[in-house]
Amino acid sequence: MDVFSLGRLLWLALGECRGHYPLLNASAHQAMAEDLRGRPSIKAVKRALEFYLKPHLPPASLSLLHGSAAFLL
């Protein structure tokens, strides 16, 4: 997965927490929305990304995604 794809995935995940993209199932969407309500902290974003996206990403990609979250927030 390249950097562009990771960035797009991050934006989809952040959009999902605000209800803009149906990336996750309904219960995961609700939980992620609660975790990231309002202006989320970097720690909250990292925790949500790890919990909801970790099963779908290799470890190196998850680390890059964490770095992207810190940079974008």
C-alpha atoms as a PDB file:
ATOM      1  CA  MET A   1       0.000   0.000   0.000  1.00  0.00           C
ATOM      2  CA  ASP A   2       1.515   3.347  -1.016  1.00  0.00           C
ATOM      3  CA  VAL A   3       1.452   6.630   0.906  1.00  0.00           C
ATOM      4  CA  PHE A   4      -1.359   8.068  -1.240  1.00  0.00           C
ATOM      5  CA  SER A   5      -3.579   5.061  -0.502  1.00  0.00           C
ATOM      6  CA  LEU A   6      -2.800   5.302   3.220  1.00  0.00           C
ATOM      7  CA  GLY A   7      -3.664   8.989   3.242  1.00  0.00           C
ATOM      8  CA  ARG A   8      -6.931   8.284   1.453  1.00  0.00           C
ATOM      9  CA  LEU A   9      -7.723   5.510   3.934  1.00  0.00           C
ATOM     10  CA  LEU A  10      -7.022   7.889   6.823  1.00  0.00           C
ATOM     11  CA  TRP A  11      -9.385  10.512   5.378  1.00  0.00           C
ATOM     12  CA  LEU A  12     -12.058   7.854   4.818  1.00  0.00           C
ATOM     13  CA  ALA A  13     -11.663   6.698   8.420  1.00  0.00           C
ATOM     14  CA  LEU A  14     -11.880  10.247   9.757  1.00  0.00           C
ATOM     15  CA  GLY A  15     -14.871  10.933   7.502  1.00  0.00           C
ATOM     16  CA  GLU A  16     -16.492   7.723   8.699  1.00  0.00           C
ATOM     17  CA  CYS A  17     -16.309   8.885  12.306  1.00  0.00           C
ATOM     18  CA  ARG A  18     -18.398  11.876  11.254  1.00  0.00           C
ATOM     19  CA  GLY A  19     -20.841   9.743   9.269  1.00  0.00           C
ATOM     20  CA  HIS A  20     -19.723  10.754   5.763  1.00  0.00           C
ATOM     21  CA  TYR A  21     -18.565   7.401   4.359  1.00  0.00           C
ATOM     22  CA  PRO A  22     -20.058   3.923   4.940  1.00  0.00           C
ATOM     23  CA  LEU A  23     -16.633   2.314   5.411  1.00  0.00           C
ATOM     24  CA  LEU A  24     -17.510   0.313   8.502  1.00  0.00           C
ATOM     25  CA  ASN A  25     -20.576  -1.601   9.663  1.00  0.00           C
ATOM     26  CA  ALA A  26     -23.217   0.242  11.697  1.00  0.00           C
ATOM     27  CA  SER A  27     -22.069  -0.808  15.181  1.00  0.00           C
ATOM     28  CA  ALA A  28     -18.419  -0.018  14.402  1.00  0.00           C
ATOM     29  CA  HIS A  29     -19.499   3.320  12.924  1.00  0.00           C
ATOM     30  CA  GLN A  30     -21.381   4.247  16.099  1.00  0.00           C
ATOM     31  CA  ALA A  31     -18.472   3.243  18.336  1.00  0.00           C
ATOM     32  CA  MET A  32     -15.938   5.134  16.215  1.00  0.00           C
ATOM     33  CA  ALA A  33     -18.174   8.215  16.139  1.00  0.00           C
ATOM     34  CA  GLU A  34     -18.344   8.165  19.941  1.00  0.00           C
ATOM     35  CA  ASP A  35     -14.572   7.733  20.223  1.00  0.00           C
ATOM     36  CA  LEU A  36     -13.827  10.630  17.873  1.00  0.00           C
ATOM     37  CA  ARG A  37     -16.672  13.048  18.612  1.00  0.00           C
ATOM     38  CA  GLY A  38     -15.866  16.740  18.210  1.00  0.00           C
ATOM     39  CA  ARG A  39     -12.233  17.676  17.625  1.00  0.00           C
ATOM     40  CA  PRO A  40     -10.444  14.448  18.515  1.00  0.00           C
ATOM     41  CA  SER A  41      -7.047  14.321  20.155  1.00  0.00           C
ATOM     42  CA  ILE A  42      -4.177  12.591  18.380  1.00  0.00           C
ATOM     43  CA  LYS A  43      -4.339   9.844  21.013  1.00  0.00           C
ATOM     44  CA  ALA A  44      -8.057   9.258  20.326  1.00  0.00           C
ATOM     45  CA  VAL A  45      -7.468   9.064  16.574  1.00  0.00           C
ATOM     46  CA  LYS A  46      -4.572   6.630  17.001  1.00  0.00           C
ATOM     47  CA  ARG A  47      -6.643   4.464  19.336  1.00  0.00           C
ATOM     48  CA  ALA A  48      -9.616   4.421  16.962  1.00  0.00           C
ATOM     49  CA  LEU A  49      -7.459   3.725  13.913  1.00  0.00           C
ATOM     50  CA  GLU A  50      -5.738   0.885  15.714  1.00  0.00           C
ATOM     51  CA  PHE A  51      -8.971  -0.643  16.983  1.00  0.00           C
ATOM     52  CA  TYR A  52     -11.016  -0.329  13.790  1.00  0.00           C
ATOM     53  CA  LEU A  53      -8.372  -0.587  11.065  1.00  0.00           C
ATOM     54  CA  LYS A  54      -5.613  -2.760  12.577  1.00  0.00           C
ATOM     55  CA  PRO A  55      -7.219  -6.050  11.462  1.00  0.00           C
ATOM     56  CA  HIS A  56      -7.062  -4.818   7.859  1.00  0.00           C
ATOM     57  CA  LEU A  57      -3.553  -3.311   7.729  1.00  0.00           C
ATOM     58  CA  PRO A  58      -0.012  -4.668   8.034  1.00  0.00           C
ATOM     59  CA  PRO A  59       1.954  -3.251  11.041  1.00  0.00           C
ATOM     60  CA  ALA A  60       4.144  -0.942   8.925  1.00  0.00           C
ATOM     61  CA  SER A  61       1.067   0.618   7.319  1.00  0.00           C
ATOM     62  CA  LEU A  62      -0.543   1.183  10.708  1.00  0.00           C
ATOM     63  CA  SER A  63       2.590   3.005  11.939  1.00  0.00           C
ATOM     64  CA  LEU A  64       2.518   5.254   8.881  1.00  0.00           C
ATOM     65  CA  LEU A  65      -1.184   5.884   9.430  1.00  0.00           C
ATOM     66  CA  HIS A  66      -0.457   6.939  13.039  1.00  0.00           C
ATOM     67  CA  GLY A  67       2.148   9.386  11.758  1.00  0.00           C
ATOM     68  CA  SER A  68      -0.313  10.749   9.203  1.00  0.00           C
ATOM     69  CA  ALA A  69      -2.949  11.234  11.897  1.00  0.00           C
ATOM     70  CA  ALA A  70      -0.500  13.171  14.067  1.00  0.00           C
ATOM     71  CA  PHE A  71       0.505  15.370  11.112  1.00  0.00           C
ATOM     72  CA  LEU A  72      -3.066  16.051   9.939  1.00  0.00           C
ATOM     73  CA  LEU A  73      -4.433  16.874  13.385  1.00  0.00           C
END
